[in-house]
Amino acid sequence: MNHNVKGMVLFFVVSLLCLSSVAQNKPEDAAKPSAEAWLALVDSGQYANSWDEAAQTFKSAVTKDQWETAMHTVRDPLGKLGTRTLKAAN
């Protein structure tokens, strides 16, 4: 095999390996770190920051004041989070 053909074959194999690893990544895997970071804000009582970091659709549904009031009413009485485990990602 000449040098150019070897280079093309190597490029092709590396490209296939890269595409294979990308294809195996599910959207849920990409979303998990963002969701965990956002939940960490909520769990630590940083409700205003969690609203700031939320998606626009969330912000359109609830104002920052409404969110903070709701979290103080609902989340605060639960106390400090013990553990959290992802059960499913659909």
PDB file of N, CA and C in Angstrom:
ATOM      1  N   MET A   1       0.850  -1.194   0.000  1.00  0.00           N
ATOM      2  CA  MET A   1       0.000   0.000   0.000  1.00  0.00           C
ATOM      3  C   MET A   1       0.881   1.237   0.000  1.00  0.00           C
ATOM      4  N   ASN A   2       0.521   2.192  -0.836  1.00  0.00           N
ATOM      5  CA  ASN A   2       1.317   3.407  -0.824  1.00  0.00           C
ATOM      6  C   ASN A   2       0.911   4.285   0.360  1.00  0.00           C
ATOM      7  N   HIS A   3       1.687   5.304   0.626  1.00  0.00           N
ATOM      8  CA  HIS A   3       1.516   6.176   1.795  1.00  0.00           C
ATOM      9  C   HIS A   3       0.155   6.874   1.803  1.00  0.00           C
ATOM     10  N   ASN A   4      -0.324   7.350   0.656  1.00  0.00           N
ATOM     11  CA  ASN A   4      -1.619   8.042   0.590  1.00  0.00           C
ATOM     12  C   ASN A   4      -2.780   7.107   0.914  1.00  0.00           C
ATOM     13  N   VAL A   5      -2.723   5.878   0.428  1.00  0.00           N
ATOM     14  CA  VAL A   5      -3.790   4.917   0.685  1.00  0.00           C
ATOM     15  C   VAL A   5      -3.811   4.553   2.169  1.00  0.00           C
ATOM     16  N   LYS A   6      -2.636   4.345   2.761  1.00  0.00           N
ATOM     17  CA  LYS A   6      -2.564   4.045   4.193  1.00  0.00           C
ATOM     18  C   LYS A   6      -3.155   5.192   5.009  1.00  0.00           C
ATOM     19  N   GLY A   7      -2.838   6.399   4.626  1.00  0.00           N
ATOM     20  CA  GLY A   7      -3.374   7.574   5.326  1.00  0.00           C
ATOM     21  C   GLY A   7      -4.887   7.657   5.214  1.00  0.00           C
ATOM     22  N   MET A   8      -5.403   7.365   4.021  1.00  0.00           N
ATOM     23  CA  MET A   8      -6.857   7.399   3.819  1.00  0.00           C
ATOM     24  C   MET A   8      -7.548   6.312   4.627  1.00  0.00           C
ATOM     25  N   VAL A   9      -6.956   5.113   4.677  1.00  0.00           N
ATOM     26  CA  VAL A   9      -7.540   4.018   5.445  1.00  0.00           C
ATOM     27  C   VAL A   9      -7.526   4.376   6.928  1.00  0.00           C
ATOM     28  N   LEU A  10      -6.424   4.905   7.417  1.00  0.00           N
ATOM     29  CA  LEU A  10      -6.329   5.306   8.821  1.00  0.00           C
ATOM     30  C   LEU A  10      -7.369   6.375   9.139  1.00  0.00           C
ATOM     31  N   PHE A  11      -7.507   7.358   8.270  1.00  0.00           N
ATOM     32  CA  PHE A  11      -8.506   8.412   8.468  1.00  0.00           C
ATOM     33  C   PHE A  11      -9.912   7.820   8.510  1.00  0.00           C
ATOM     34  N   PHE A  12     -10.196   6.891   7.612  1.00  0.00           N
ATOM     35  CA  PHE A  12     -11.512   6.252   7.545  1.00  0.00           C
ATOM     36  C   PHE A  12     -11.803   5.480   8.827  1.00  0.00           C
ATOM     37  N   VAL A  13     -10.835   4.718   9.320  1.00  0.00           N
ATOM     38  CA  VAL A  13     -11.024   3.930  10.544  1.00  0.00           C
ATOM     39  C   VAL A  13     -11.238   4.851  11.743  1.00  0.00           C
ATOM     40  N   VAL A  14     -10.437   5.881  11.872  1.00  0.00           N
ATOM     41  CA  VAL A  14     -10.588   6.827  12.981  1.00  0.00           C
ATOM     42  C   VAL A  14     -11.946   7.516  12.906  1.00  0.00           C
ATOM     43  N   SER A  15     -12.373   7.880  11.707  1.00  0.00           N
ATOM     44  CA  SER A  15     -13.688   8.516  11.538  1.00  0.00           C
ATOM     45  C   SER A  15     -14.810   7.590  11.970  1.00  0.00           C
ATOM     46  N   LEU A  16     -14.727   6.331  11.593  1.00  0.00           N
ATOM     47  CA  LEU A  16     -15.750   5.363  12.003  1.00  0.00           C
ATOM     48  C   LEU A  16     -15.776   5.196  13.515  1.00  0.00           C
ATOM     49  N   LEU A  17     -14.612   5.144  14.134  1.00  0.00           N
ATOM     50  CA  LEU A  17     -14.562   5.009  15.587  1.00  0.00           C
ATOM     51  C   LEU A  17     -15.187   6.223  16.270  1.00  0.00           C
ATOM     52  N   CYS A  18     -14.908   7.397  15.755  1.00  0.00           N
ATOM     53  CA  CYS A  18     -15.483   8.622  16.325  1.00  0.00           C
ATOM     54  C   CYS A  18     -16.999   8.631  16.152  1.00  0.00           C
ATOM     55  N   LEU A  19     -17.471   8.283  14.980  1.00  0.00           N
ATOM     56  CA  LEU A  19     -18.914   8.247  14.738  1.00  0.00           C
ATOM     57  C   LEU A  19     -19.585   7.200  15.609  1.00  0.00           C
ATOM     58  N   SER A  20     -18.923   6.081  15.805  1.00  0.00           N
ATOM     59  CA  SER A  20     -19.485   5.030  16.644  1.00  0.00           C
ATOM     60  C   SER A  20     -19.639   5.504  18.074  1.00  0.00           C
ATOM     61  N   SER A  21     -18.649   6.200  18.611  1.00  0.00           N
ATOM     62  CA  SER A  21     -18.750   6.667  19.994  1.00  0.00           C
ATOM     63  C   SER A  21     -19.787   7.766  20.132  1.00  0.00           C
ATOM     64  N   VAL A  22     -19.942   8.608  19.120  1.00  0.00           N
ATOM     65  CA  VAL A  22     -20.967   9.653  19.160  1.00  0.00           C
ATOM     66  C   VAL A  22     -22.352   9.026  19.090  1.00  0.00           C
ATOM     67  N   ALA A  23     -22.512   8.019  18.254  1.00  0.00           N
ATOM     68  CA  ALA A  23     -23.813   7.370  18.095  1.00  0.00           C
ATOM     69  C   ALA A  23     -24.248   6.672  19.378  1.00  0.00           C
ATOM     70  N   GLN A  24     -23.297   6.230  20.193  1.00  0.00           N
ATOM     71  CA  GLN A  24     -23.633   5.540  21.427  1.00  0.00           C
ATOM     72  C   GLN A  24     -24.059   6.501  22.530  1.00  0.00           C
ATOM     73  N   ASN A  25     -23.730   7.773  22.422  1.00  0.00           N
ATOM     74  CA  ASN A  25     -24.127   8.757  23.416  1.00  0.00           C
ATOM     75  C   ASN A  25     -25.586   9.097  23.224  1.00  0.00           C
ATOM     76  N   LYS A  26     -26.351   8.917  24.287  1.00  0.00           N
ATOM     77  CA  LYS A  26     -27.769   9.228  24.240  1.00  0.00           C
ATOM     78  C   LYS A  26     -27.973  10.662  24.709  1.00  0.00           C
ATOM     79  N   PRO A  27     -29.018  11.322  24.248  1.00  0.00           N
ATOM     80  CA  PRO A  27     -29.287  12.692  24.695  1.00  0.00           C
ATOM     81  C   PRO A  27     -29.406  12.783  26.212  1.00  0.00           C
ATOM     82  N   GLU A  28     -29.936  11.720  26.850  1.00  0.00           N
ATOM     83  CA  GLU A  28     -30.073  11.726  28.302  1.00  0.00           C
ATOM     84  C   GLU A  28     -28.717  11.839  28.981  1.00  0.00           C
ATOM     85  N   ASP A  29     -27.704  11.203  28.381  1.00  0.00           N
ATOM     86  CA  ASP A  29     -26.361  11.262  28.961  1.00  0.00           C
ATOM     87  C   ASP A  29     -25.817  12.690  28.940  1.00  0.00           C
ATOM     88  N   ALA A  30     -26.126  13.415  27.882  1.00  0.00           N
ATOM     89  CA  ALA A  30     -25.668  14.797  27.779  1.00  0.00           C
ATOM     90  C   ALA A  30     -26.425  15.712  28.734  1.00  0.00           C
ATOM     91  N   ALA A  31     -27.691  15.402  28.984  1.00  0.00           N
ATOM     92  CA  ALA A  31     -28.521  16.251  29.843  1.00  0.00           C
ATOM     93  C   ALA A  31     -28.267  16.027  31.329  1.00  0.00           C
ATOM     94  N   LYS A  32     -27.794  14.860  31.692  1.00  0.00           N
ATOM     95  CA  LYS A  32     -27.656  14.502  33.106  1.00  0.00           C
ATOM     96  C   LYS A  32     -26.800  15.493  33.906  1.00  0.00           C
ATOM     97  N   PRO A  33     -25.613  15.878  33.456  1.00  0.00           N
ATOM     98  CA  PRO A  33     -24.813  16.819  34.256  1.00  0.00           C
ATOM     99  C   PRO A  33     -25.513  18.159  34.474  1.00  0.00           C
ATOM    100  N   SER A  34     -26.226  18.654  33.463  1.00  0.00           N
ATOM    101  CA  SER A  34     -26.955  19.920  33.608  1.00  0.00           C
ATOM    102  C   SER A  34     -28.078  19.784  34.621  1.00  0.00           C
ATOM    103  N   ALA A  35     -28.805  18.674  34.541  1.00  0.00           N
ATOM    104  CA  ALA A  35     -29.898  18.440  35.479  1.00  0.00           C
ATOM    105  C   ALA A  35     -29.370  18.315  36.902  1.00  0.00           C
ATOM    106  N   GLU A  36     -28.269  17.609  37.070  1.00  0.00           N
ATOM    107  CA  GLU A  36     -27.685  17.447  38.401  1.00  0.00           C
ATOM    108  C   GLU A  36     -27.208  18.780  38.963  1.00  0.00           C
ATOM    109  N   ALA A  37     -26.612  19.619  38.127  1.00  0.00           N
ATOM    110  CA  ALA A  37     -26.148  20.937  38.576  1.00  0.00           C
ATOM    111  C   ALA A  37     -27.326  21.807  38.988  1.00  0.00           C
ATOM    112  N   TRP A  38     -28.413  21.752  38.203  1.00  0.00           N
ATOM    113  CA  TRP A  38     -29.589  22.556  38.528  1.00  0.00           C
ATOM    114  C   TRP A  38     -30.224  22.072  39.825  1.00  0.00           C
ATOM    115  N   LEU A  39     -30.347  20.762  39.982  1.00  0.00           N
ATOM    116  CA  LEU A  39     -30.921  20.213  41.207  1.00  0.00           C
ATOM    117  C   LEU A  39     -30.055  20.533  42.422  1.00  0.00           C
ATOM    118  N   ALA A  40     -28.757  20.601  42.237  1.00  0.00           N
ATOM    119  CA  ALA A  40     -27.865  20.967  43.344  1.00  0.00           C
ATOM    120  C   ALA A  40     -28.168  22.382  43.827  1.00  0.00           C
ATOM    121  N   LEU A  41     -28.503  23.282  42.903  1.00  0.00           N
ATOM    122  CA  LEU A  41     -28.890  24.642  43.299  1.00  0.00           C
ATOM    123  C   LEU A  41     -30.162  24.607  44.144  1.00  0.00           C
ATOM    124  N   VAL A  42     -31.141  23.854  43.676  1.00  0.00           N
ATOM    125  CA  VAL A  42     -32.407  23.747  44.415  1.00  0.00           C
ATOM    126  C   VAL A  42     -32.157  23.110  45.779  1.00  0.00           C
ATOM    127  N   ASP A  43     -31.410  22.017  45.802  1.00  0.00           N
ATOM    128  CA  ASP A  43     -31.162  21.290  47.044  1.00  0.00           C
ATOM    129  C   ASP A  43     -30.407  22.120  48.077  1.00  0.00           C
ATOM    130  N   SER A  44     -29.595  23.054  47.605  1.00  0.00           N
ATOM    131  CA  SER A  44     -28.833  23.893  48.535  1.00  0.00           C
ATOM    132  C   SER A  44     -29.559  25.181  48.887  1.00  0.00           C
ATOM    133  N   GLY A  45     -30.822  25.307  48.441  1.00  0.00           N
ATOM    134  CA  GLY A  45     -31.621  26.478  48.789  1.00  0.00           C
ATOM    135  C   GLY A  45     -31.352  27.703  47.931  1.00  0.00           C
ATOM    136  N   GLN A  46     -30.633  27.541  46.850  1.00  0.00           N
ATOM    137  CA  GLN A  46     -30.336  28.657  45.948  1.00  0.00           C
ATOM    138  C   GLN A  46     -31.439  28.766  44.898  1.00  0.00           C
ATOM    139  N   TYR A  47     -32.629  29.081  45.370  1.00  0.00           N
ATOM    140  CA  TYR A  47     -33.805  29.073  44.514  1.00  0.00           C
ATOM    141  C   TYR A  47     -33.757  30.149  43.437  1.00  0.00           C
ATOM    142  N   ALA A  48     -33.313  31.339  43.772  1.00  0.00           N
ATOM    143  CA  ALA A  48     -33.213  32.408  42.767  1.00  0.00           C
ATOM    144  C   ALA A  48     -32.225  32.013  41.669  1.00  0.00           C
ATOM    145  N   ASN A  49     -31.094  31.441  42.067  1.00  0.00           N
ATOM    146  CA  ASN A  49     -30.099  30.997  41.073  1.00  0.00           C
ATOM    147  C   ASN A  49     -30.645  29.856  40.219  1.00  0.00           C
ATOM    148  N   SER A  50     -31.433  28.963  40.833  1.00  0.00           N
ATOM    149  CA  SER A  50     -31.991  27.863  40.049  1.00  0.00           C
ATOM    150  C   SER A  50     -32.968  28.396  39.006  1.00  0.00           C
ATOM    151  N   TRP A  51     -33.720  29.425  39.360  1.00  0.00           N
ATOM    152  CA  TRP A  51     -34.633  30.038  38.385  1.00  0.00           C
ATOM    153  C   TRP A  51     -33.815  30.683  37.264  1.00  0.00           C
ATOM    154  N   ASP A  52     -32.746  31.385  37.632  1.00  0.00           N
ATOM    155  CA  ASP A  52     -31.879  32.026  36.623  1.00  0.00           C
ATOM    156  C   ASP A  52     -31.310  31.008  35.639  1.00  0.00           C
ATOM    157  N   GLU A  53     -30.990  29.824  36.120  1.00  0.00           N
ATOM    158  CA  GLU A  53     -30.369  28.788  35.286  1.00  0.00           C
ATOM    159  C   GLU A  53     -31.384  27.907  34.556  1.00  0.00           C
ATOM    160  N   ALA A  54     -32.658  28.094  34.823  1.00  0.00           N
ATOM    161  CA  ALA A  54     -33.701  27.255  34.221  1.00  0.00           C
ATOM    162  C   ALA A  54     -33.915  27.610  32.748  1.00  0.00           C
ATOM    163  N   ALA A  55     -34.561  26.701  32.046  1.00  0.00           N
ATOM    164  CA  ALA A  55     -34.891  26.908  30.634  1.00  0.00           C
ATOM    165  C   ALA A  55     -35.928  28.026  30.495  1.00  0.00           C
ATOM    166  N   GLN A  56     -35.961  28.630  29.344  1.00  0.00           N
ATOM    167  CA  GLN A  56     -36.891  29.732  29.090  1.00  0.00           C
ATOM    168  C   GLN A  56     -38.347  29.290  29.236  1.00  0.00           C
ATOM    169  N   THR A  57     -38.658  28.071  28.852  1.00  0.00           N
ATOM    170  CA  THR A  57     -40.032  27.595  28.996  1.00  0.00           C
ATOM    171  C   THR A  57     -40.446  27.547  30.463  1.00  0.00           C
ATOM    172  N   PHE A  58     -39.520  27.176  31.325  1.00  0.00           N
ATOM    173  CA  PHE A  58     -39.776  27.171  32.769  1.00  0.00           C
ATOM    174  C   PHE A  58     -40.015  28.597  33.252  1.00  0.00           C
ATOM    175  N   LYS A  59     -39.149  29.510  32.842  1.00  0.00           N
ATOM    176  CA  LYS A  59     -39.267  30.909  33.265  1.00  0.00           C
ATOM    177  C   LYS A  59     -40.549  31.547  32.755  1.00  0.00           C
ATOM    178  N   SER A  60     -41.025  31.088  31.612  1.00  0.00           N
ATOM    179  CA  SER A  60     -42.281  31.609  31.065  1.00  0.00           C
ATOM    180  C   SER A  60     -43.486  31.128  31.866  1.00  0.00           C
ATOM    181  N   ALA A  61     -43.337  29.986  32.514  1.00  0.00           N
ATOM    182  CA  ALA A  61     -44.452  29.395  33.257  1.00  0.00           C
ATOM    183  C   ALA A  61     -44.562  29.912  34.688  1.00  0.00           C
ATOM    184  N   VAL A  62     -43.442  30.346  35.257  1.00  0.00           N
ATOM    185  CA  VAL A  62     -43.435  30.777  36.657  1.00  0.00           C
ATOM    186  C   VAL A  62     -42.441  31.927  36.830  1.00  0.00           C
ATOM    187  N   THR A  63     -42.854  32.945  37.569  1.00  0.00           N
ATOM    188  CA  THR A  63     -41.938  34.060  37.813  1.00  0.00           C
ATOM    189  C   THR A  63     -40.901  33.655  38.863  1.00  0.00           C
ATOM    190  N   LYS A  64     -39.849  34.427  38.943  1.00  0.00           N
ATOM    191  CA  LYS A  64     -38.813  34.150  39.932  1.00  0.00           C
ATOM    192  C   LYS A  64     -39.391  34.214  41.343  1.00  0.00           C
ATOM    193  N   ASP A  65     -40.211  35.210  41.621  1.00  0.00           N
ATOM    194  CA  ASP A  65     -40.831  35.336  42.948  1.00  0.00           C
ATOM    195  C   ASP A  65     -41.742  34.152  43.254  1.00  0.00           C
ATOM    196  N   GLN A  66     -42.532  33.726  42.262  1.00  0.00           N
ATOM    197  CA  GLN A  66     -43.401  32.567  42.464  1.00  0.00           C
ATOM    198  C   GLN A  66     -42.577  31.318  42.770  1.00  0.00           C
ATOM    199  N   TRP A  67     -41.501  31.153  42.051  1.00  0.00           N
ATOM    200  CA  TRP A  67     -40.633  29.992  42.243  1.00  0.00           C
ATOM    201  C   TRP A  67     -40.029  29.996  43.648  1.00  0.00           C
ATOM    202  N   GLU A  68     -39.475  31.132  44.041  1.00  0.00           N
ATOM    203  CA  GLU A  68     -38.862  31.214  45.367  1.00  0.00           C
ATOM    204  C   GLU A  68     -39.893  30.951  46.467  1.00  0.00           C
ATOM    205  N   THR A  69     -41.073  31.524  46.339  1.00  0.00           N
ATOM    206  CA  THR A  69     -42.125  31.321  47.339  1.00  0.00           C
ATOM    207  C   THR A  69     -42.526  29.848  47.400  1.00  0.00           C
ATOM    208  N   ALA A  70     -42.719  29.247  46.241  1.00  0.00           N
ATOM    209  CA  ALA A  70     -43.104  27.839  46.185  1.00  0.00           C
ATOM    210  C   ALA A  70     -42.031  26.948  46.808  1.00  0.00           C
ATOM    211  N   MET A  71     -40.778  27.219  46.517  1.00  0.00           N
ATOM    212  CA  MET A  71     -39.694  26.394  47.058  1.00  0.00           C
ATOM    213  C   MET A  71     -39.573  26.554  48.577  1.00  0.00           C
ATOM    214  N   HIS A  72     -39.726  27.781  49.062  1.00  0.00           N
ATOM    215  CA  HIS A  72     -39.682  27.987  50.517  1.00  0.00           C
ATOM    216  C   HIS A  72     -40.845  27.263  51.190  1.00  0.00           C
ATOM    217  N   THR A  73     -41.987  27.226  50.523  1.00  0.00           N
ATOM    218  CA  THR A  73     -43.176  26.579  51.079  1.00  0.00           C
ATOM    219  C   THR A  73     -43.088  25.058  51.013  1.00  0.00           C
ATOM    220  N   VAL A  74     -42.614  24.531  49.877  1.00  0.00           N
ATOM    221  CA  VAL A  74     -42.640  23.095  49.640  1.00  0.00           C
ATOM    222  C   VAL A  74     -41.308  22.415  49.962  1.00  0.00           C
ATOM    223  N   ARG A  75     -40.220  22.992  49.517  1.00  0.00           N
ATOM    224  CA  ARG A  75     -38.910  22.325  49.637  1.00  0.00           C
ATOM    225  C   ARG A  75     -38.277  22.500  51.011  1.00  0.00           C
ATOM    226  N   ASP A  76     -38.321  23.706  51.558  1.00  0.00           N
ATOM    227  CA  ASP A  76     -37.655  23.969  52.837  1.00  0.00           C
ATOM    228  C   ASP A  76     -38.082  23.011  53.953  1.00  0.00           C
ATOM    229  N   PRO A  77     -39.380  22.726  54.103  1.00  0.00           N
ATOM    230  CA  PRO A  77     -39.779  21.818  55.188  1.00  0.00           C
ATOM    231  C   PRO A  77     -39.214  20.402  55.067  1.00  0.00           C
ATOM    232  N   LEU A  78     -38.770  20.006  53.875  1.00  0.00           N
ATOM    233  CA  LEU A  78     -38.223  18.661  53.681  1.00  0.00           C
ATOM    234  C   LEU A  78     -36.837  18.503  54.295  1.00  0.00           C
ATOM    235  N   GLY A  79     -36.159  19.610  54.542  1.00  0.00           N
ATOM    236  CA  GLY A  79     -34.825  19.545  55.125  1.00  0.00           C
ATOM    237  C   GLY A  79     -33.750  19.219  54.108  1.00  0.00           C
ATOM    238  N   LYS A  80     -32.566  18.948  54.622  1.00  0.00           N
ATOM    239  CA  LYS A  80     -31.402  18.678  53.785  1.00  0.00           C
ATOM    240  C   LYS A  80     -31.563  17.361  53.028  1.00  0.00           C
ATOM    241  N   LEU A  81     -31.143  17.368  51.775  1.00  0.00           N
ATOM    242  CA  LEU A  81     -31.209  16.168  50.939  1.00  0.00           C
ATOM    243  C   LEU A  81     -30.233  15.127  51.460  1.00  0.00           C
ATOM    244  N   GLY A  82     -30.713  13.885  51.577  1.00  0.00           N
ATOM    245  CA  GLY A  82     -29.833  12.781  51.956  1.00  0.00           C
ATOM    246  C   GLY A  82     -29.084  12.269  50.745  1.00  0.00           C
ATOM    247  N   THR A  83     -29.805  11.663  49.815  1.00  0.00           N
ATOM    248  CA  THR A  83     -29.211  11.159  48.575  1.00  0.00           C
ATOM    249  C   THR A  83     -30.209  11.302  47.442  1.00  0.00           C
ATOM    250  N   ARG A  84     -29.699  11.248  46.242  1.00  0.00           N
ATOM    251  CA  ARG A  84     -30.548  11.294  45.054  1.00  0.00           C
ATOM    252  C   ARG A  84     -29.989  10.276  44.070  1.00  0.00           C
ATOM    253  N   THR A  85     -30.872   9.460  43.506  1.00  0.00           N
ATOM    254  CA  THR A  85     -30.463   8.441  42.540  1.00  0.00           C
ATOM    255  C   THR A  85     -31.371   8.533  41.319  1.00  0.00           C
ATOM    256  N   LEU A  86     -30.757   8.589  40.148  1.00  0.00           N
ATOM    257  CA  LEU A  86     -31.503   8.585  38.908  1.00  0.00           C
ATOM    258  C   LEU A  86     -32.099   7.197  38.696  1.00  0.00           C
ATOM    259  N   LYS A  87     -33.400   7.147  38.544  1.00  0.00           N
ATOM    260  CA  LYS A  87     -34.072   5.852  38.352  1.00  0.00           C
ATOM    261  C   LYS A  87     -34.285   5.557  36.876  1.00  0.00           C
ATOM    262  N   ALA A  88     -34.539   6.592  36.059  1.00  0.00           N
ATOM    263  CA  ALA A  88     -34.764   6.376  34.634  1.00  0.00           C
ATOM    264  C   ALA A  88     -34.533   7.681  33.892  1.00  0.00           C
ATOM    265  N   ALA A  89     -34.173   7.550  32.651  1.00  0.00           N
ATOM    266  CA  ALA A  89     -34.002   8.705  31.767  1.00  0.00           C
ATOM    267  C   ALA A  89     -34.641   8.337  30.443  1.00  0.00           C
ATOM    268  N   ASN A  90     -35.771   8.954  30.168  1.00  0.00           N
ATOM    269  CA  ASN A  90     -36.505   8.618  28.935  1.00  0.00           C
ATOM    270  C   ASN A  90     -36.467   9.786  27.987  1.00  0.00           C
TER     271      ASN A  90
END
